[in-house]
C-alpha atoms as a PDB file:
ATOM      1  CA  MET A   1      20.903  -9.440  39.921  1.00  0.00           C
ATOM      2  CA  HIS A   2      22.090 -10.032  36.342  1.00  0.00           C
ATOM      3  CA  ASP A   3      25.009  -8.232  34.797  1.00  0.00           C
ATOM      4  CA  ASN A   4      23.926  -6.042  31.984  1.00  0.00           C
ATOM      5  CA  PRO A   5      26.056  -7.002  28.944  1.00  0.00           C
ATOM      6  CA  LEU A   6      24.823  -3.966  26.898  1.00  0.00           C
ATOM      7  CA  ASP A   7      26.846  -0.893  26.241  1.00  0.00           C
ATOM      8  CA  ALA A   8      25.758   2.248  24.535  1.00  0.00           C
ATOM      9  CA  ASN A   9      26.423   0.815  21.059  1.00  0.00           C
ATOM     10  CA  SER A  10      24.650  -2.419  21.349  1.00  0.00           C
ATOM     11  CA  PHE A  11      21.180  -3.890  22.104  1.00  0.00           C
ATOM     12  CA  ALA A  12      19.586  -7.089  23.269  1.00  0.00           C
ATOM     13  CA  LEU A  13      18.497  -9.725  20.885  1.00  0.00           C
ATOM     14  CA  ARG A  14      16.991 -13.038  21.875  1.00  0.00           C
ATOM     15  CA  LEU A  15      18.736 -15.785  19.972  1.00  0.00           C
ATOM     16  CA  GLU A  16      17.995 -19.416  20.576  1.00  0.00           C
ATOM     17  CA  GLY A  17      16.286 -18.582  23.904  1.00  0.00           C
ATOM     18  CA  LYS A  18      19.261 -16.484  25.257  1.00  0.00           C
ATOM     19  CA  VAL A  19      19.514 -12.737  25.431  1.00  0.00           C
ATOM     20  CA  GLN A  20      22.687 -11.623  23.842  1.00  0.00           C
ATOM     21  CA  ALA A  21      24.253  -8.332  23.278  1.00  0.00           C
ATOM     22  CA  VAL A  22      24.578  -7.578  19.599  1.00  0.00           C
ATOM     23  CA  GLN A  23      26.233  -4.766  17.628  1.00  0.00           C
ATOM     24  CA  PRO A  24      23.915  -3.126  15.109  1.00  0.00           C
ATOM     25  CA  SER A  25      26.207  -3.985  12.177  1.00  0.00           C
ATOM     26  CA  THR A  26      25.907  -7.734  13.085  1.00  0.00           C
ATOM     27  CA  VAL A  27      22.039  -7.561  13.036  1.00  0.00           C
ATOM     28  CA  PHE A  28      22.101  -5.629   9.819  1.00  0.00           C
ATOM     29  CA  ALA A  29      24.343  -8.246   8.156  1.00  0.00           C
ATOM     30  CA  SER A  30      22.175 -11.033   9.513  1.00  0.00           C
ATOM     31  CA  HIS A  31      19.086  -9.331   8.117  1.00  0.00           C
ATOM     32  CA  ILE A  32      20.633  -8.973   4.691  1.00  0.00           C
ATOM     33  CA  GLU A  33      21.712 -12.655   4.725  1.00  0.00           C
ATOM     34  CA  TRP A  34      18.143 -13.661   5.735  1.00  0.00           C
ATOM     35  CA  GLN A  35      16.631 -11.411   2.940  1.00  0.00           C
ATOM     36  CA  ILE A  36      19.003 -12.905   0.357  1.00  0.00           C
ATOM     37  CA  SER A  37      18.276 -16.461   1.399  1.00  0.00           C
ATOM     38  CA  MET A  38      14.415 -15.799   1.336  1.00  0.00           C
ATOM     39  CA  ALA A  39      14.549 -14.184  -2.147  1.00  0.00           C
ATOM     40  CA  ARG A  40      12.403 -16.208  -4.553  1.00  0.00           C
ATOM     41  CA  PRO A  41      14.570 -17.966  -7.069  1.00  0.00           C
ATOM     42  CA  THR A  42      13.979 -17.139 -10.709  1.00  0.00           C
ATOM     43  CA  THR A  43      12.924 -19.768 -13.183  1.00  0.00           C
ATOM     44  CA  PRO A  44      14.112 -19.874 -16.804  1.00  0.00           C
ATOM     45  CA  THR A  45      10.513 -20.052 -17.924  1.00  0.00           C
ATOM     46  CA  LEU A  46       7.806 -17.346 -17.520  1.00  0.00           C
ATOM     47  CA  THR A  47       5.679 -16.967 -14.386  1.00  0.00           C
ATOM     48  CA  GLU A  48       2.004 -16.179 -14.938  1.00  0.00           C
ATOM     49  CA  ALA A  49       2.477 -12.450 -14.446  1.00  0.00           C
ATOM     50  CA  GLU A  50       5.450 -12.348 -16.784  1.00  0.00           C
ATOM     51  CA  LEU A  51       3.460 -14.216 -19.409  1.00  0.00           C
ATOM     52  CA  ARG A  52       0.721 -11.565 -19.221  1.00  0.00           C
ATOM     53  CA  LEU A  53       3.331  -8.891 -19.923  1.00  0.00           C
ATOM     54  CA  MET A  54       4.931 -10.930 -22.783  1.00  0.00           C
ATOM     55  CA  LYS A  55       1.491 -11.410 -24.378  1.00  0.00           C
ATOM     56  CA  VAL A  56       1.158  -7.571 -24.445  1.00  0.00           C
ATOM     57  CA  LEU A  57       4.577  -7.218 -26.052  1.00  0.00           C
ATOM     58  CA  TRP A  58       3.966  -9.988 -28.572  1.00  0.00           C
ATOM     59  CA  ASP A  59       0.586  -8.438 -29.511  1.00  0.00           C
ATOM     60  CA  ARG A  60       1.681  -4.792 -29.664  1.00  0.00           C
ATOM     61  CA  GLY A  61       5.434  -4.895 -30.260  1.00  0.00           C
ATOM     62  CA  ALA A  62       7.680  -2.322 -28.564  1.00  0.00           C
ATOM     63  CA  CYS A  63       6.042  -0.661 -25.514  1.00  0.00           C
ATOM     64  CA  SER A  64       6.820   1.585 -22.779  1.00  0.00           C
ATOM     65  CA  THR A  65       5.939   0.688 -19.054  1.00  0.00           C
ATOM     66  CA  SER A  66       2.911   2.854 -19.225  1.00  0.00           C
ATOM     67  CA  ASP A  67       1.802   1.281 -22.560  1.00  0.00           C
ATOM     68  CA  VAL A  68       1.963  -2.110 -20.859  1.00  0.00           C
ATOM     69  CA  THR A  69       0.292  -0.932 -17.678  1.00  0.00           C
ATOM     70  CA  GLU A  70      -2.562   0.629 -19.707  1.00  0.00           C
ATOM     71  CA  THR A  71      -3.000  -2.400 -21.921  1.00  0.00           C
ATOM     72  CA  LEU A  72      -3.225  -4.671 -18.857  1.00  0.00           C
ATOM     73  CA  SER A  73      -5.670  -2.298 -17.172  1.00  0.00           C
ATOM     74  CA  GLU A  74      -7.931  -2.576 -20.361  1.00  0.00           C
ATOM     75  CA  GLN A  75      -7.847  -6.395 -19.719  1.00  0.00           C
ATOM     76  CA  ASP A  76      -8.830  -5.751 -16.044  1.00  0.00           C
ATOM     77  CA  VAL A  77      -5.316  -6.592 -14.741  1.00  0.00           C
ATOM     78  CA  GLU A  78      -4.490  -3.897 -12.346  1.00  0.00           C
ATOM     79  CA  LEU A  79      -0.748  -3.479 -11.701  1.00  0.00           C
ATOM     80  CA  THR A  80       1.158  -0.467 -10.719  1.00  0.00           C
ATOM     81  CA  GLY A  81       3.685   1.150 -13.047  1.00  0.00           C
ATOM     82  CA  SER A  82       6.470   0.185 -10.646  1.00  0.00           C
ATOM     83  CA  SER A  83       5.382  -3.518 -10.573  1.00  0.00           C
ATOM     84  CA  VAL A  84       5.313  -3.607 -14.318  1.00  0.00           C
ATOM     85  CA  ARG A  85       8.729  -1.901 -14.563  1.00  0.00           C
ATOM     86  CA  THR A  86      10.136  -4.388 -12.080  1.00  0.00           C
ATOM     87  CA  MET A  87       8.845  -7.374 -14.065  1.00  0.00           C
ATOM     88  CA  LEU A  88      10.032  -5.873 -17.370  1.00  0.00           C
ATOM     89  CA  ARG A  89      13.514  -5.684 -15.852  1.00  0.00           C
ATOM     90  CA  ILE A  90      13.308  -9.341 -14.686  1.00  0.00           C
ATOM     91  CA  LEU A  91      12.154 -10.340 -18.234  1.00  0.00           C
ATOM     92  CA  GLU A  92      15.184  -8.475 -19.600  1.00  0.00           C
ATOM     93  CA  GLN A  93      17.545 -10.262 -17.210  1.00  0.00           C
ATOM     94  CA  LYS A  94      15.982 -13.622 -18.250  1.00  0.00           C
ATOM     95  CA  GLY A  95      16.582 -12.625 -21.943  1.00  0.00           C
ATOM     96  CA  TYR A  96      13.016 -12.414 -22.992  1.00  0.00           C
ATOM     97  CA  VAL A  97      12.981  -8.594 -23.752  1.00  0.00           C
ATOM     98  CA  ARG A  98      15.406  -5.913 -24.638  1.00  0.00           C
ATOM     99  CA  SER A  99      14.994  -2.264 -23.649  1.00  0.00           C
ATOM    100  CA  THR A 100      16.157   0.941 -25.204  1.00  0.00           C
ATOM    101  CA  ARG A 101      15.982   4.507 -23.763  1.00  0.00           C
ATOM    102  CA  GLN A 102      13.408   6.615 -25.487  1.00  0.00           C
ATOM    103  CA  GLY A 103      13.797  10.128 -23.884  1.00  0.00           C
ATOM    104  CA  ARG A 104      13.000   9.659 -20.119  1.00  0.00           C
ATOM    105  CA  ALA A 105      11.231   6.342 -20.676  1.00  0.00           C
ATOM    106  CA  ARG A 106      12.418   2.901 -21.675  1.00  0.00           C
ATOM    107  CA  GLU A 107      10.907   1.046 -24.517  1.00  0.00           C
ATOM    108  CA  TYR A 108      10.733  -2.745 -24.257  1.00  0.00           C
ATOM    109  CA  ARG A 109      10.500  -5.250 -27.143  1.00  0.00           C
ATOM    110  CA  PRO A 110      10.274  -8.962 -27.160  1.00  0.00           C
ATOM    111  CA  ILE A 111      13.391 -10.776 -28.312  1.00  0.00           C
ATOM    112  CA  VAL A 112      11.807 -14.308 -27.790  1.00  0.00           C
ATOM    113  CA  THR A 113       8.939 -15.392 -29.907  1.00  0.00           C
ATOM    114  CA  ARG A 114       5.828 -17.127 -28.551  1.00  0.00           C
ATOM    115  CA  VAL A 115       6.969 -20.287 -30.268  1.00  0.00           C
ATOM    116  CA  GLU A 116      10.426 -20.122 -28.659  1.00  0.00           C
ATOM    117  CA  ALA A 117       8.885 -19.235 -25.199  1.00  0.00           C
ATOM    118  CA  ARG A 118       6.472 -22.372 -25.556  1.00  0.00           C
ATOM    119  CA  ARG A 119       9.573 -24.512 -26.471  1.00  0.00           C
ATOM    120  CA  ARG A 120      11.546 -23.234 -23.442  1.00  0.00           C
ATOM    121  CA  ALA A 121       8.609 -23.856 -21.039  1.00  0.00           C
ATOM    122  CA  LEU A 122       7.961 -27.328 -22.595  1.00  0.00           C
ATOM    123  CA  GLN A 123      11.691 -28.231 -22.304  1.00  0.00           C
ATOM    124  CA  TYR A 124      11.623 -27.115 -18.688  1.00  0.00           C
ATOM    125  CA  PHE A 125       8.514 -29.051 -17.923  1.00  0.00           C
ATOM    126  CA  LEU A 126       9.789 -32.120 -19.797  1.00  0.00           C
ATOM    127  CA  SER A 127      13.037 -32.133 -17.836  1.00  0.00           C
ATOM    128  CA  ARG A 128      11.415 -31.584 -14.454  1.00  0.00           C
ATOM    129  CA  PHE A 129       8.482 -33.928 -14.630  1.00  0.00           C
ATOM    130  CA  PHE A 130       9.398 -36.524 -17.263  1.00  0.00           C
ATOM    131  CA  ASP A 131      13.193 -36.761 -16.902  1.00  0.00           C
ATOM    132  CA  GLY A 132      13.442 -35.471 -20.543  1.00  0.00           C
ATOM    133  CA  SER A 133      11.523 -38.304 -21.937  1.00  0.00           C
ATOM    134  CA  ARG A 134       9.208 -37.183 -24.801  1.00  0.00           C
ATOM    135  CA  GLU A 135       7.760 -40.654 -24.997  1.00  0.00           C
ATOM    136  CA  ALA A 136       6.590 -40.493 -21.380  1.00  0.00           C
ATOM    137  CA  LEU A 137       5.020 -37.134 -21.918  1.00  0.00           C
ATOM    138  CA  LEU A 138       3.206 -38.278 -24.973  1.00  0.00           C
ATOM    139  CA  LEU A 139       2.003 -41.398 -23.322  1.00  0.00           C
ATOM    140  CA  ASN A 140       0.704 -39.399 -20.355  1.00  0.00           C
ATOM    141  CA  LEU A 141      -1.150 -37.024 -22.692  1.00  0.00           C
ATOM    142  CA  LEU A 142      -2.617 -39.795 -24.750  1.00  0.00           C
ATOM    143  CA  GLU A 143      -3.799 -41.773 -21.747  1.00  0.00           C
ATOM    144  CA  ASP A 144      -6.129 -38.881 -20.926  1.00  0.00           C
ATOM    145  CA  ASP A 145      -9.741 -39.885 -21.507  1.00  0.00           C
ATOM    146  CA  GLU A 146     -10.601 -36.409 -22.678  1.00  0.00           C
ATOM    147  CA  VAL A 147      -8.516 -36.658 -25.873  1.00  0.00           C
ATOM    148  CA  GLU A 148     -10.864 -36.455 -28.757  1.00  0.00           C
ATOM    149  CA  GLU A 149     -10.632 -38.723 -31.781  1.00  0.00           C
ATOM    150  CA  ALA A 150      -9.907 -35.808 -34.063  1.00  0.00           C
ATOM    151  CA  GLU A 151      -6.926 -34.745 -31.909  1.00  0.00           C
ATOM    152  CA  LEU A 152      -5.574 -38.291 -31.963  1.00  0.00           C
ATOM    153  CA  GLU A 153      -5.790 -38.343 -35.736  1.00  0.00           C
ATOM    154  CA  ARG A 154      -4.004 -35.056 -36.108  1.00  0.00           C
ATOM    155  CA  LEU A 155      -1.234 -36.336 -33.709  1.00  0.00           C
ATOM    156  CA  LYS A 156      -0.824 -39.429 -35.740  1.00  0.00           C
ATOM    157  CA  GLU A 157      -0.524 -37.390 -38.937  1.00  0.00           C
ATOM    158  CA  LEU A 158       2.133 -35.148 -37.304  1.00  0.00           C
ATOM    159  CA  LEU A 159       4.071 -38.056 -36.050  1.00  0.00           C
ATOM    160  CA  SER A 160       4.131 -39.907 -39.343  1.00  0.00           C
ATOM    161  CA  ALA A 161       5.037 -36.637 -41.070  1.00  0.00           C
ATOM    162  CA  GLY A 162       7.956 -36.015 -38.718  1.00  0.00           C
ATOM    163  CA  GLY A 163       6.557 -33.349 -36.558  1.00  0.00           C
ATOM    164  CA  GLY A 164       5.685 -29.766 -37.329  1.00  0.00           C
ATOM    165  CA  ASP A 165       5.230 -26.451 -35.660  1.00  0.00           C
ATOM    166  CA  ALA A 166       2.094 -26.388 -33.487  1.00  0.00           C
ATOM    167  CA  GLU A 167       0.577 -22.959 -32.954  1.00  0.00           C
END
């Protein structure tokens, strides 16, 4: 018969095929470490869901969580108030919005413009996929068979004029 390694303050946990006596605090700490390591890393650019919220803020200006939730609902995007609140907090941590307390609610306003958000996303994309080479990016775009002649002419004009802000 096997000796029971458990006492009143521990329980069995199968680790690597072996049953081991474990203290609850050890399991709790392991669970926390696992949760932390499994957390999705944030990106400096906007996720699809974050972009939806930013579009609302860019279009409407300062909004409460319920204003954003309502506007998204009108666009057939159903998110709970708590999900919107969480995403707005993430956007604030990323530096895209700033919040102020308005009574019991918080009001969120964009502090990054659409143009700046596009630039950030493009810079991130450029560094990840093209090693920072604008030339490689442009050549890749221009090699696409679906580029229309009018688009090519506009690009040539922009390049010869020294750039410009594309909306």
